[in-house]
Amino acid sequence: MRGASQAKWVVTAVAVALAATACGSSTSASSGSGAIDAKGVYSYQSGEPQNPLQPANANESLGSRVVKNLFRGLVDLDPTTNKPRYQVADKIETTDAKHFAVTLKSGWTFHDGTPVTAHSFVDAWNWSANTKNNQINSNWFSDIAGYDAVHPAKGDPTATTMSGLKVVDDTHFTIDLTGPVSYFQYKLAYIAFSPLPKSFFADPVKAGENPVGDGPYKFVSWEHNKAITLAAYDQYAGVDKAQNGGIVFKNYSAAEAAYKDLTSDNLDVLDQVDPTDLPKYKSDLGDRAVDQPQGGIVSISFAMYQPEWQGVDKAKVRQGLSMAIDRDTITKTVLNGSRLPADSFVAPGTVGYKAGICGEACTFDPAKAKSMIAAGGGVPNNKITITYNADGGHKEWVDAVCNSIRQSTGVECVGDPKPDMKTARKEITAHTVPSMMRTGWAQDYPLNVSFLRDLYQTGADSNDALYSSPEFDKLAKAADAAATVDQTADLYQQAEAQLVKDMPAIPLWYYKTNAGWSNNVTNVKYDTFGDPVFTQVEVKQK
């Protein structure tokens, strides 16, 4: 699974600059290579989103990429300078990282022409956090005072609003947290914190199918399992106005088909080159090919909710299976150098990344792998399966991982492909995976917290494995309460060390962006989340 790709920030007395995403790529094309059609529409490789297009319900890449173009929150990340910038917010002030005063810009509107006000944010956050509304990203609001009342661990909510949110007037509201969170500033740019228009609350189901946002693009149509079309919003008040007329998110059931369309100029911007075409895409595309680091990781997680994976000794089995995987060979051969072997649960370049923290558990050692598995009582039924979506170009590496495990340990391992992301995610979020699952993750903000708390804390929305460790939770809680972001990152390294002991997931490799674009477009740049800077893409006149 991949999270929505944005970084987070805040303003204290002084704005905090983040060393975060959005590398300006040397592989971007010059916009001076021909006449540009400012109203031109381009196509982008995509697939069917798992959920309706609601900001707090977009938890995987296919939906979040669409939603983040339809909506803008208080802040986002400048893809040119890699520094935070205000969007709807005029300023956000705090002196203690617990109490925040927000001032909005005037004149910002939704796509239906209605104004974006303080109520647009407060009402949206309260609705999204409420357990009755079943929003997959509801946990993002858990730092706000009163969250427990609208989202209790059990039973019905005892309130409809969080006590930590107060509207002052149309352009001012306050946020109170349950305690200081040094990195709460990072979280505010996540799409779950987007505002919602009044029309949303009248019919949330309809709004999920025909969303009304406040971002650089407005919704046009959703042909399920075919395409989602967006058009540039002429009245957009943000600093990142679209340099094109719109985007068609075009569905592909096979990554190879998308690449074929790209090389024939029937697709304009590619998500990721499939494994089959990696060896030749640079020669095919020339200066339209992209090869750059990305803040993400690919892992395979255990279904910790299955009885056979529970028990203290099973940690040894999980560690042994990790040792049975030859990451170096697979990334060099099967993945053609498009990935980097993982030595941590956190991607390099992220604040708090500690090289080699996974140690021998992420080091290929067949003999040690067999002994660890035996010491832990063996793999249940001596067989594991890996659930994955077949439309994402994963078959080759899943087969290679299984071959490595089988040859190293004698444990039977087979892929469990689902036809598309939506089908795979349905099984994963329903917690019905029989054994293991692909769980790739791209940073939501450039801090190790995004790879740790958001994936492994008990009850976290993206904790697909349902891993629960009192030790990890205790360490994470202490890290959350640290006085500075750097202290938080350091303390989260201790929590990561607990993951190495428990091994609820196996880190495999770090993402790289291997992609490209057609001859129809120019000025294409990819950020370190692996996404193109959608608004900057220019369409050539035909």
Protein backbone atom coordinates (compact mmCIF):
# COMPACT_ATOMS: atom_id res chain seq x y z
CA MET A 1 0.00 0.00 0.00
CA ARG A 2 1.03 3.45 -0.65
CA GLY A 3 0.07 6.52 1.21
CA ALA A 4 -0.99 9.84 -0.08
CA SER A 5 2.07 11.73 -1.19
CA GLN A 6 2.55 14.98 0.63
CA ALA A 7 4.85 16.41 3.28
CA LYS A 8 3.66 18.27 6.37
CA TRP A 9 4.72 21.45 8.08
CA VAL A 10 3.72 24.24 10.46
CA VAL A 11 4.58 27.74 11.52
CA THR A 12 5.84 28.51 14.98
CA ALA A 13 7.05 32.04 15.52
CA VAL A 14 9.08 31.41 12.37
CA ALA A 15 8.19 29.17 9.39
CA VAL A 16 9.85 25.76 9.52
CA ALA A 17 11.60 24.77 6.32
CA LEU A 18 11.66 21.07 5.58
CA ALA A 19 14.40 19.19 3.85
CA ALA A 20 11.75 17.18 2.07
CA THR A 21 10.42 15.96 -1.19
CA ALA A 22 10.16 17.16 -4.74
CA CYS A 23 13.60 16.94 -6.25
CA GLY A 24 13.90 19.08 -9.32
CA SER A 25 14.94 16.47 -11.86
CA SER A 26 17.63 16.99 -14.45
CA THR A 27 15.51 14.75 -16.65
CA SER A 28 12.74 17.31 -17.04
CA ALA A 29 12.15 18.58 -20.53
CA SER A 30 12.48 22.19 -21.53
CA SER A 31 9.23 24.08 -21.97
CA GLY A 32 10.81 25.97 -24.83
CA SER A 33 10.79 23.03 -27.23
CA GLY A 34 7.61 24.06 -29.03
CA ALA A 35 4.32 25.95 -28.81
CA ILE A 36 2.27 25.13 -25.71
CA ASP A 37 -1.48 24.61 -25.58
CA ALA A 38 -2.50 26.10 -22.21
CA LYS A 39 -5.87 24.35 -22.50
CA GLY A 40 -4.39 21.01 -23.53
CA VAL A 41 -5.33 17.92 -21.55
CA TYR A 42 -2.86 15.11 -20.84
CA SER A 43 -3.28 11.49 -19.73
CA TYR A 44 -1.67 9.76 -16.76
CA GLN A 45 -1.30 6.05 -15.96
CA SER A 46 -3.65 5.08 -13.14
CA GLY A 47 -6.26 2.57 -11.99
CA GLU A 48 -9.54 2.29 -10.11
CA PRO A 49 -9.41 3.91 -6.64
CA GLN A 50 -10.28 1.74 -3.68
CA ASN A 51 -12.74 4.21 -2.14
CA PRO A 52 -14.96 7.17 -3.05
CA LEU A 53 -13.07 10.41 -3.73
CA GLN A 54 -13.34 11.83 -0.20
CA PRO A 55 -10.18 13.42 1.28
CA ALA A 56 -10.23 11.34 4.47
CA ASN A 57 -11.00 8.16 2.54
CA ALA A 58 -8.03 8.21 0.13
CA ASN A 59 -5.36 5.97 1.59
CA GLU A 60 -3.78 4.44 -1.52
CA SER A 61 -2.03 6.06 -4.45
CA LEU A 62 -4.74 5.65 -7.09
CA GLY A 63 -7.28 7.61 -5.10
CA SER A 64 -4.96 10.00 -3.30
CA ARG A 65 -3.36 11.28 -6.51
CA VAL A 66 -6.77 12.33 -7.79
CA VAL A 67 -7.92 13.80 -4.48
CA LYS A 68 -4.78 15.85 -3.94
CA ASN A 69 -5.36 17.56 -7.29
CA LEU A 70 -9.00 18.29 -6.43
CA PHE A 71 -8.28 19.72 -2.97
CA ARG A 72 -5.86 22.04 -1.21
CA GLY A 73 -5.50 22.39 2.54
CA LEU A 74 -3.89 24.94 4.79
CA VAL A 75 -0.41 24.21 3.43
CA ASP A 76 1.49 22.05 0.96
CA LEU A 77 5.06 21.57 -0.21
CA ASP A 78 6.67 23.72 -2.89
CA PRO A 79 8.03 21.26 -5.51
CA THR A 80 10.62 23.75 -6.77
CA THR A 81 12.27 24.86 -3.51
CA ASN A 82 11.42 21.76 -1.46
CA LYS A 83 10.18 24.14 1.25
CA PRO A 84 6.74 24.44 2.84
CA ARG A 85 4.32 27.06 1.62
CA TYR A 86 0.93 28.38 2.59
CA GLN A 87 -2.08 27.56 0.47
CA VAL A 88 -5.46 28.38 2.07
CA ALA A 89 -3.70 29.48 5.26
CA ASP A 90 -2.40 33.02 5.52
CA LYS A 91 -0.51 32.05 8.68
CA ILE A 92 -0.42 29.36 11.36
CA GLU A 93 1.02 30.30 14.72
CA THR A 94 2.03 28.36 17.81
CA THR A 95 4.45 28.77 20.69
CA ASP A 96 4.19 25.32 22.22
CA ALA A 97 3.33 22.83 19.42
CA LYS A 98 0.08 22.16 21.28
CA HIS A 99 -2.09 25.21 20.63
CA PHE A 100 -2.37 26.61 17.08
CA ALA A 101 -4.03 29.75 15.75
CA VAL A 102 -4.95 29.59 12.05
CA THR A 103 -5.66 32.56 9.82
CA LEU A 104 -7.10 31.87 6.37
CA LYS A 105 -6.74 33.86 3.18
CA SER A 106 -9.88 35.61 2.02
CA GLY A 107 -11.39 34.96 -1.42
CA TRP A 108 -10.59 31.25 -1.68
CA THR A 109 -13.50 29.30 -3.19
CA PHE A 110 -14.68 25.77 -3.81
CA HIS A 111 -15.39 24.65 -7.37
CA ASP A 112 -19.09 25.37 -6.86
CA GLY A 113 -18.28 29.01 -6.13
CA THR A 114 -18.97 28.88 -2.38
CA PRO A 115 -16.32 30.33 -0.04
CA VAL A 116 -13.73 28.33 1.86
CA THR A 117 -14.09 29.37 5.50
CA ALA A 118 -12.95 28.27 8.93
CA HIS A 119 -16.10 26.17 9.15
CA SER A 120 -15.05 24.41 5.92
CA PHE A 121 -12.04 23.02 7.76
CA VAL A 122 -13.50 22.46 11.23
CA ASP A 123 -16.67 20.80 9.95
CA ALA A 124 -14.68 18.62 7.55
CA TRP A 125 -12.27 17.44 10.23
CA ASN A 126 -15.05 16.70 12.71
CA TRP A 127 -17.00 14.71 10.11
CA SER A 128 -13.91 12.82 8.93
CA ALA A 129 -12.87 11.88 12.47
CA ASN A 130 -16.30 10.58 13.45
CA THR A 131 -16.28 6.79 13.61
CA LYS A 132 -19.80 6.61 12.15
CA ASN A 133 -18.53 8.01 8.85
CA ASN A 134 -16.06 5.16 8.38
CA GLN A 135 -13.23 7.22 6.91
CA ILE A 136 -10.04 5.22 6.50
CA ASN A 137 -7.82 8.21 7.39
CA SER A 138 -9.75 9.16 10.54
CA ASN A 139 -6.77 8.36 12.77
CA TRP A 140 -4.92 11.37 11.32
CA PHE A 141 -7.04 13.55 13.65
CA SER A 142 -6.20 11.58 16.78
CA ASP A 143 -3.82 14.26 18.12
CA ILE A 144 -6.67 16.77 18.38
CA ALA A 145 -8.34 17.18 21.78
CA GLY A 146 -11.74 15.52 21.83
CA TYR A 147 -10.95 12.93 19.18
CA ASP A 148 -11.82 10.11 21.56
CA ALA A 149 -15.33 11.47 21.95
CA VAL A 150 -16.07 11.35 18.22
CA HIS A 151 -14.01 8.23 17.59
CA PRO A 152 -14.13 5.99 20.68
CA ALA A 153 -12.31 2.69 20.65
CA LYS A 154 -15.64 0.96 21.26
CA GLY A 155 -19.26 1.98 21.02
CA ASP A 156 -20.92 5.02 19.52
CA PRO A 157 -19.50 8.55 19.61
CA THR A 158 -20.51 10.69 22.57
CA ALA A 159 -20.00 13.91 20.62
CA THR A 160 -20.13 15.12 17.02
CA THR A 161 -17.38 17.70 17.34
CA MET A 162 -13.85 17.65 18.76
CA SER A 163 -13.32 19.99 21.67
CA GLY A 164 -9.92 20.97 20.29
CA LEU A 165 -11.38 22.78 17.26
CA LYS A 166 -12.94 26.23 17.67
CA VAL A 167 -14.17 28.58 14.95
CA VAL A 168 -13.41 32.22 15.77
CA ASP A 169 -14.83 33.75 12.59
CA ASP A 170 -14.87 33.04 8.86
CA THR A 171 -11.09 33.33 8.52
CA HIS A 172 -9.85 32.25 11.94
CA PHE A 173 -9.95 29.02 13.94
CA THR A 174 -7.88 27.35 16.64
CA ILE A 175 -6.51 23.84 17.08
CA ASP A 176 -5.74 22.37 20.51
CA LEU A 177 -3.93 19.03 20.78
CA THR A 178 -4.02 16.59 23.69
CA GLY A 179 -0.31 17.20 24.15
CA PRO A 180 2.65 18.73 22.33
CA VAL A 181 3.45 17.02 19.03
CA SER A 182 6.65 18.38 17.61
CA TYR A 183 5.83 17.25 14.09
CA PHE A 184 2.13 18.11 13.98
CA GLN A 185 3.22 20.77 11.50
CA TYR A 186 4.17 17.99 9.08
CA LYS A 187 0.74 16.42 9.23
CA LEU A 188 -1.32 19.49 8.36
CA ALA A 189 -0.58 19.20 4.64
CA TYR A 190 -1.95 15.66 4.37
CA ILE A 191 -5.05 15.42 2.18
CA ALA A 192 -7.23 14.25 5.09
CA PHE A 193 -6.99 17.82 6.43
CA SER A 194 -8.63 19.29 3.32
CA PRO A 195 -11.71 21.53 3.67
CA LEU A 196 -15.13 20.40 2.50
CA PRO A 197 -18.01 22.48 1.06
CA LYS A 198 -21.47 22.58 2.65
CA SER A 199 -22.85 20.45 -0.19
CA PHE A 200 -20.65 17.55 0.91
CA PHE A 201 -22.47 17.09 4.21
CA ALA A 202 -25.87 17.06 2.49
CA ASP A 203 -24.89 13.91 0.58
CA PRO A 204 -21.41 12.50 1.31
CA VAL A 205 -22.01 9.47 -0.92
CA LYS A 206 -22.79 11.67 -3.91
CA ALA A 207 -19.81 13.87 -3.05
CA GLY A 208 -17.54 10.82 -3.18
CA GLU A 209 -18.67 10.12 -6.75
CA ASN A 210 -18.85 13.78 -7.86
CA PRO A 211 -16.44 15.64 -5.57
CA VAL A 212 -16.39 19.41 -5.19
CA GLY A 213 -12.96 20.55 -4.10
CA ASP A 214 -10.95 23.76 -3.83
CA GLY A 215 -7.79 22.67 -5.64
CA PRO A 216 -6.19 23.48 -8.99
CA TYR A 217 -8.41 20.97 -10.81
CA LYS A 218 -12.17 20.41 -10.72
CA PHE A 219 -13.97 17.13 -11.22
CA VAL A 220 -15.42 16.31 -14.66
CA SER A 221 -16.26 12.60 -14.73
CA TRP A 222 -15.54 9.16 -13.32
CA GLU A 223 -16.01 6.27 -15.70
CA HIS A 224 -15.48 3.43 -13.27
CA ASN A 225 -12.66 1.06 -14.22
CA LYS A 226 -11.87 3.27 -17.22
CA ALA A 227 -10.85 6.82 -16.36
CA ILE A 228 -11.24 9.85 -14.09
CA THR A 229 -11.16 13.23 -15.84
CA LEU A 230 -10.28 16.55 -14.20
CA ALA A 231 -10.25 20.06 -15.71
CA ALA A 232 -8.20 23.06 -14.63
CA TYR A 233 -10.14 25.37 -12.28
CA ASP A 234 -9.94 28.91 -13.67
CA GLN A 235 -10.79 30.58 -10.35
CA TYR A 236 -8.18 28.68 -8.35
CA ALA A 237 -6.58 30.99 -5.78
CA GLY A 238 -3.43 28.98 -5.03
CA VAL A 239 0.14 29.65 -6.10
CA ASP A 240 0.31 26.49 -8.20
CA LYS A 241 -2.23 27.24 -10.91
CA ALA A 242 -2.41 24.54 -13.60
CA GLN A 243 -0.26 25.12 -16.68
CA ASN A 244 -2.52 22.77 -18.64
CA GLY A 245 -6.22 22.26 -19.27
CA GLY A 246 -6.70 19.06 -17.30
CA ILE A 247 -5.75 15.45 -16.59
CA VAL A 248 -7.23 12.12 -17.58
CA PHE A 249 -6.32 9.42 -15.03
CA LYS A 250 -6.43 6.47 -17.40
CA ASN A 251 -6.93 2.95 -16.04
CA TYR A 252 -4.54 0.15 -16.95
CA SER A 253 -4.86 -3.43 -15.77
CA ALA A 254 -1.28 -4.21 -16.86
CA ALA A 255 1.76 -1.97 -16.45
CA GLU A 256 3.21 -3.33 -19.69
CA ALA A 257 0.20 -2.00 -21.62
CA ALA A 258 0.74 1.45 -20.15
CA TYR A 259 4.36 1.49 -21.23
CA LYS A 260 3.41 0.38 -24.75
CA ASP A 261 0.91 3.24 -24.95
CA LEU A 262 3.53 5.70 -23.71
CA THR A 263 6.03 4.75 -26.40
CA SER A 264 3.33 5.15 -29.04
CA ASP A 265 2.23 8.52 -27.58
CA ASN A 266 -1.19 7.17 -26.59
CA LEU A 267 -0.36 7.85 -22.91
CA ASP A 268 1.38 11.02 -21.84
CA VAL A 269 2.82 10.52 -18.33
CA LEU A 270 3.84 7.21 -16.78
CA ASP A 271 3.56 6.18 -13.14
CA GLN A 272 6.31 3.56 -13.15
CA VAL A 273 7.98 1.46 -15.83
CA ASP A 274 7.07 -2.22 -15.53
CA PRO A 275 9.87 -4.74 -14.77
CA THR A 276 9.78 -6.22 -18.28
CA ASP A 277 10.60 -2.89 -19.94
CA LEU A 278 13.08 -1.56 -17.39
CA PRO A 279 16.15 -2.79 -19.30
CA LYS A 280 15.28 -0.73 -22.37
CA TYR A 281 13.18 2.24 -21.26
CA LYS A 282 16.11 4.67 -21.16
CA SER A 283 17.10 3.87 -24.73
CA ASP A 284 13.44 4.00 -25.79
CA LEU A 285 12.68 7.36 -24.17
CA GLY A 286 16.05 9.12 -24.20
CA ASP A 287 15.86 12.43 -22.33
CA ARG A 288 12.22 11.69 -21.52
CA ALA A 289 13.27 8.90 -19.15
CA VAL A 290 13.39 9.41 -15.36
CA ASP A 291 15.67 7.58 -12.91
CA GLN A 292 15.81 9.24 -9.49
CA PRO A 293 15.47 8.40 -5.77
CA GLN A 294 12.04 8.21 -4.19
CA GLY A 295 11.00 8.37 -0.54
CA GLY A 296 9.32 5.00 -0.36
CA ILE A 297 9.83 1.39 0.62
CA VAL A 298 8.53 -2.00 -0.54
CA SER A 299 7.87 -4.56 2.13
CA ILE A 300 5.88 -7.71 2.68
CA SER A 301 3.86 -7.81 5.89
CA PHE A 302 2.64 -10.76 7.89
CA ALA A 303 -1.04 -11.18 8.67
CA MET A 304 -0.37 -10.88 12.40
CA TYR A 305 -4.08 -11.39 13.07
CA GLN A 306 -3.86 -15.00 11.90
CA PRO A 307 -3.36 -17.37 14.90
CA GLU A 308 -0.43 -19.17 13.30
CA TRP A 309 1.68 -15.99 13.31
CA GLN A 310 1.04 -15.19 16.96
CA GLY A 311 3.34 -16.09 19.83
CA VAL A 312 6.77 -14.91 20.94
CA ASP A 313 8.77 -17.56 19.07
CA LYS A 314 7.19 -16.70 15.72
CA ALA A 315 9.33 -13.53 15.64
CA LYS A 316 12.29 -15.82 15.01
CA VAL A 317 10.45 -17.42 12.10
CA ARG A 318 9.69 -14.01 10.60
CA GLN A 319 13.32 -12.93 11.01
CA GLY A 320 14.45 -16.16 9.40
CA LEU A 321 12.22 -15.61 6.36
CA SER A 322 13.70 -12.13 6.00
CA MET A 323 17.23 -13.56 6.05
CA ALA A 324 16.23 -15.98 3.29
CA ILE A 325 15.69 -13.18 0.75
CA ASP A 326 18.60 -12.22 -1.50
CA ARG A 327 17.73 -8.53 -1.83
CA ASP A 328 20.95 -7.58 -3.58
CA THR A 329 20.58 -10.09 -6.42
CA ILE A 330 16.85 -9.46 -6.92
CA THR A 331 17.24 -5.67 -7.14
CA LYS A 332 20.15 -5.97 -9.58
CA THR A 333 18.67 -8.61 -11.84
CA VAL A 334 14.89 -8.97 -11.68
CA LEU A 335 14.39 -5.26 -10.92
CA ASN A 336 17.23 -4.10 -13.20
CA GLY A 337 18.71 -1.75 -10.63
CA SER A 338 15.43 0.14 -10.21
CA ARG A 339 15.39 -0.50 -6.44
CA LEU A 340 17.91 -0.30 -3.59
CA PRO A 341 18.11 -3.11 -0.99
CA ALA A 342 16.53 -2.10 2.32
CA ASP A 343 18.50 -2.09 5.56
CA SER A 344 15.85 -0.27 7.59
CA PHE A 345 12.08 0.17 7.90
CA VAL A 346 12.61 3.83 6.86
CA ALA A 347 13.65 5.19 3.46
CA PRO A 348 16.99 7.01 3.06
CA GLY A 349 16.82 10.78 2.82
CA THR A 350 14.13 10.87 5.49
CA VAL A 351 14.81 12.69 8.76
CA GLY A 352 15.53 9.93 11.26
CA TYR A 353 16.71 7.30 8.78
CA LYS A 354 19.37 5.09 10.42
CA ALA A 355 21.41 3.03 7.98
CA GLY A 356 21.76 -0.64 8.86
CA ILE A 357 19.37 -0.65 11.82
CA CYS A 358 17.77 -3.87 10.52
CA GLY A 359 21.14 -5.59 10.84
CA GLU A 360 21.40 -9.32 10.24
CA ALA A 361 17.61 -9.64 9.94
CA CYS A 362 17.88 -7.90 6.56
CA THR A 363 21.09 -9.65 5.52
CA PHE A 364 20.95 -12.65 3.19
CA ASP A 365 22.11 -15.72 5.12
CA PRO A 366 20.45 -19.04 4.09
CA ALA A 367 22.05 -21.07 6.87
CA LYS A 368 21.01 -18.62 9.61
CA ALA A 369 17.58 -18.33 8.01
CA LYS A 370 16.96 -22.09 8.33
CA SER A 371 18.17 -22.20 11.93
CA MET A 372 16.03 -19.22 12.96
CA ILE A 373 12.92 -20.71 11.38
CA ALA A 374 13.56 -24.02 13.15
CA ALA A 375 14.18 -22.24 16.47
CA GLY A 376 10.84 -20.50 16.16
CA GLY A 377 8.92 -23.71 15.59
CA GLY A 378 8.80 -23.55 11.81
CA VAL A 379 6.53 -21.87 9.28
CA PRO A 380 2.86 -22.89 9.71
CA ASN A 381 2.19 -25.77 7.30
CA ASN A 382 5.66 -25.00 5.84
CA LYS A 383 4.02 -22.64 3.32
CA ILE A 384 3.48 -18.92 2.89
CA THR A 385 1.59 -16.91 0.27
CA ILE A 386 2.15 -13.28 -0.74
CA THR A 387 -0.98 -11.34 -1.70
CA TYR A 388 -0.41 -8.59 -4.29
CA ASN A 389 -2.14 -6.64 -7.05
CA ALA A 390 -1.36 -8.09 -10.49
CA ASP A 391 -1.88 -4.75 -12.28
CA GLY A 392 1.18 -3.13 -10.71
CA GLY A 393 4.05 -5.07 -12.29
CA HIS A 394 4.78 -7.04 -9.10
CA LYS A 395 4.66 -10.64 -10.33
CA GLU A 396 8.33 -10.87 -11.28
CA TRP A 397 9.73 -9.76 -7.95
CA VAL A 398 7.16 -11.68 -5.89
CA ASP A 399 8.16 -14.84 -7.76
CA ALA A 400 11.83 -14.02 -7.18
CA VAL A 401 11.30 -13.50 -3.45
CA CYS A 402 9.43 -16.80 -3.22
CA ASN A 403 12.18 -18.60 -5.15
CA SER A 404 14.80 -17.20 -2.78
CA ILE A 405 12.85 -18.30 0.30
CA ARG A 406 12.16 -21.73 -1.18
CA GLN A 407 15.77 -22.37 -2.23
CA SER A 408 17.22 -21.04 1.04
CA THR A 409 14.92 -22.74 3.52
CA GLY A 410 12.73 -25.33 1.84
CA VAL A 411 9.64 -23.38 2.85
CA GLU A 412 7.03 -23.36 0.07
CA CYS A 413 6.21 -19.84 -1.09
CA VAL A 414 3.78 -18.78 -3.81
CA GLY A 415 2.34 -15.49 -5.03
CA ASP A 416 -1.35 -14.79 -4.44
CA PRO A 417 -2.22 -12.30 -7.21
CA LYS A 418 -5.40 -10.22 -7.23
CA PRO A 419 -6.52 -8.67 -10.54
CA ASP A 420 -6.14 -5.03 -9.45
CA MET A 421 -5.28 -2.70 -6.59
CA LYS A 422 -8.88 -2.27 -5.51
CA THR A 423 -9.41 -6.02 -5.14
CA ALA A 424 -6.15 -6.52 -3.28
CA ARG A 425 -6.82 -3.59 -0.94
CA LYS A 426 -10.32 -4.87 -0.21
CA GLU A 427 -8.89 -8.13 1.09
CA ILE A 428 -6.08 -6.40 2.95
CA THR A 429 -8.30 -3.84 4.70
CA ALA A 430 -10.83 -6.57 5.53
CA HIS A 431 -7.95 -8.42 7.25
CA THR A 432 -8.61 -11.67 5.43
CA VAL A 433 -5.12 -12.17 3.96
CA PRO A 434 -4.14 -15.78 4.74
CA SER A 435 -0.41 -15.30 5.17
CA MET A 436 1.55 -12.29 3.83
CA MET A 437 0.84 -9.21 1.71
CA ARG A 438 2.67 -6.59 -0.35
CA THR A 439 2.75 -3.34 1.63
CA GLY A 440 4.71 -0.71 -0.26
CA TRP A 441 4.67 2.74 1.34
CA ALA A 442 5.61 6.23 0.18
CA GLN A 443 6.27 8.88 2.77
CA ASP A 444 3.38 11.13 3.71
CA TYR A 445 5.93 13.51 5.19
CA PRO A 446 9.75 13.39 5.24
CA LEU A 447 10.16 12.13 8.80
CA ASN A 448 10.73 8.58 10.02
CA VAL A 449 7.44 8.85 11.93
CA SER A 450 5.59 8.43 8.64
CA PHE A 451 7.17 5.01 8.10
CA LEU A 452 6.82 3.90 11.71
CA ARG A 453 3.92 5.35 13.70
CA ASP A 454 1.55 5.43 10.73
CA LEU A 455 2.21 1.78 9.86
CA TYR A 456 2.96 -0.01 13.12
CA GLN A 457 1.30 1.77 16.04
CA THR A 458 -1.60 -0.18 17.51
CA GLY A 459 -4.79 0.93 15.76
CA ALA A 460 -3.07 3.07 13.11
CA ASP A 461 -5.16 3.34 9.95
CA SER A 462 -2.41 1.92 7.76
CA ASN A 463 -1.43 -0.90 10.12
CA ASP A 464 -2.58 -3.55 7.65
CA ALA A 465 -0.92 -6.38 9.57
CA LEU A 466 -2.76 -5.46 12.81
CA TYR A 467 0.62 -5.56 14.57
CA SER A 468 0.34 -4.56 18.21
CA SER A 469 3.28 -4.14 20.55
CA PRO A 470 3.08 -2.41 23.97
CA GLU A 471 6.83 -1.81 23.75
CA PHE A 472 6.62 -0.12 20.34
CA ASP A 473 3.60 1.95 21.41
CA LYS A 474 5.35 3.11 24.58
CA LEU A 475 8.45 4.21 22.66
CA ALA A 476 6.35 5.92 19.99
CA LYS A 477 4.35 7.82 22.60
CA ALA A 478 7.55 9.13 24.19
CA ALA A 479 8.85 10.17 20.77
CA ASP A 480 5.62 12.00 19.95
CA ALA A 481 5.94 14.09 23.10
CA ALA A 482 9.53 15.19 22.45
CA ALA A 483 10.26 18.90 22.37
CA THR A 484 11.76 19.08 18.88
CA VAL A 485 11.43 17.28 15.57
CA ASP A 486 15.03 16.06 15.78
CA GLN A 487 14.43 14.58 19.23
CA THR A 488 11.28 12.90 17.96
CA ALA A 489 13.21 11.35 15.07
CA ASP A 490 15.94 10.07 17.39
CA LEU A 491 13.45 8.49 19.77
CA TYR A 492 11.57 6.83 16.92
CA GLN A 493 14.77 5.01 16.06
CA GLN A 494 14.35 3.17 19.37
CA ALA A 495 10.83 2.22 18.33
CA GLU A 496 12.21 0.99 15.00
CA ALA A 497 14.65 -1.25 16.89
CA GLN A 498 11.62 -2.93 18.45
CA LEU A 499 10.27 -3.64 14.97
CA VAL A 500 13.50 -5.44 14.13
CA LYS A 501 12.94 -7.68 17.16
CA ASP A 502 9.31 -8.40 16.28
CA MET A 503 9.59 -8.35 12.45
CA PRO A 504 5.87 -7.81 11.66
CA ALA A 505 6.98 -6.96 8.13
CA ILE A 506 10.03 -7.66 5.97
CA PRO A 507 11.68 -4.57 4.44
CA LEU A 508 12.71 -5.49 0.91
CA TRP A 509 13.94 -2.45 -1.01
CA TYR A 510 13.57 1.28 -1.47
CA TYR A 511 11.71 2.80 -4.36
CA LYS A 512 13.24 4.67 -7.23
CA THR A 513 11.20 6.60 -9.75
CA ASN A 514 11.68 4.94 -13.12
CA ALA A 515 9.19 6.59 -15.43
CA GLY A 516 8.86 8.92 -18.39
CA TRP A 517 6.56 10.87 -20.67
CA SER A 518 5.38 11.03 -24.26
CA ASN A 519 6.27 13.40 -27.08
CA ASN A 520 2.98 15.23 -26.48
CA VAL A 521 4.05 16.94 -23.24
CA THR A 522 6.96 18.81 -21.75
CA ASN A 523 8.13 20.36 -18.45
CA VAL A 524 7.53 17.05 -16.66
CA LYS A 525 9.17 16.78 -13.25
CA TYR A 526 8.81 14.07 -10.62
CA ASP A 527 9.04 14.68 -6.88
CA THR A 528 10.57 12.27 -4.36
CA PHE A 529 7.13 10.86 -3.64
CA GLY A 530 7.24 9.43 -7.17
CA ASP A 531 4.50 11.68 -8.49
CA PRO A 532 4.78 14.14 -11.36
CA VAL A 533 4.21 17.77 -10.46
CA PHE A 534 0.80 17.59 -12.10
CA THR A 535 0.13 21.32 -12.40
CA GLN A 536 3.45 22.04 -14.12
CA VAL A 537 3.03 19.61 -17.02
CA GLU A 538 2.67 21.46 -20.33
CA VAL A 539 0.87 20.09 -23.37
CA LYS A 540 2.33 20.76 -26.80
CA GLN A 541 0.15 22.16 -29.53
CA LYS A 542 -0.75 19.60 -32.16
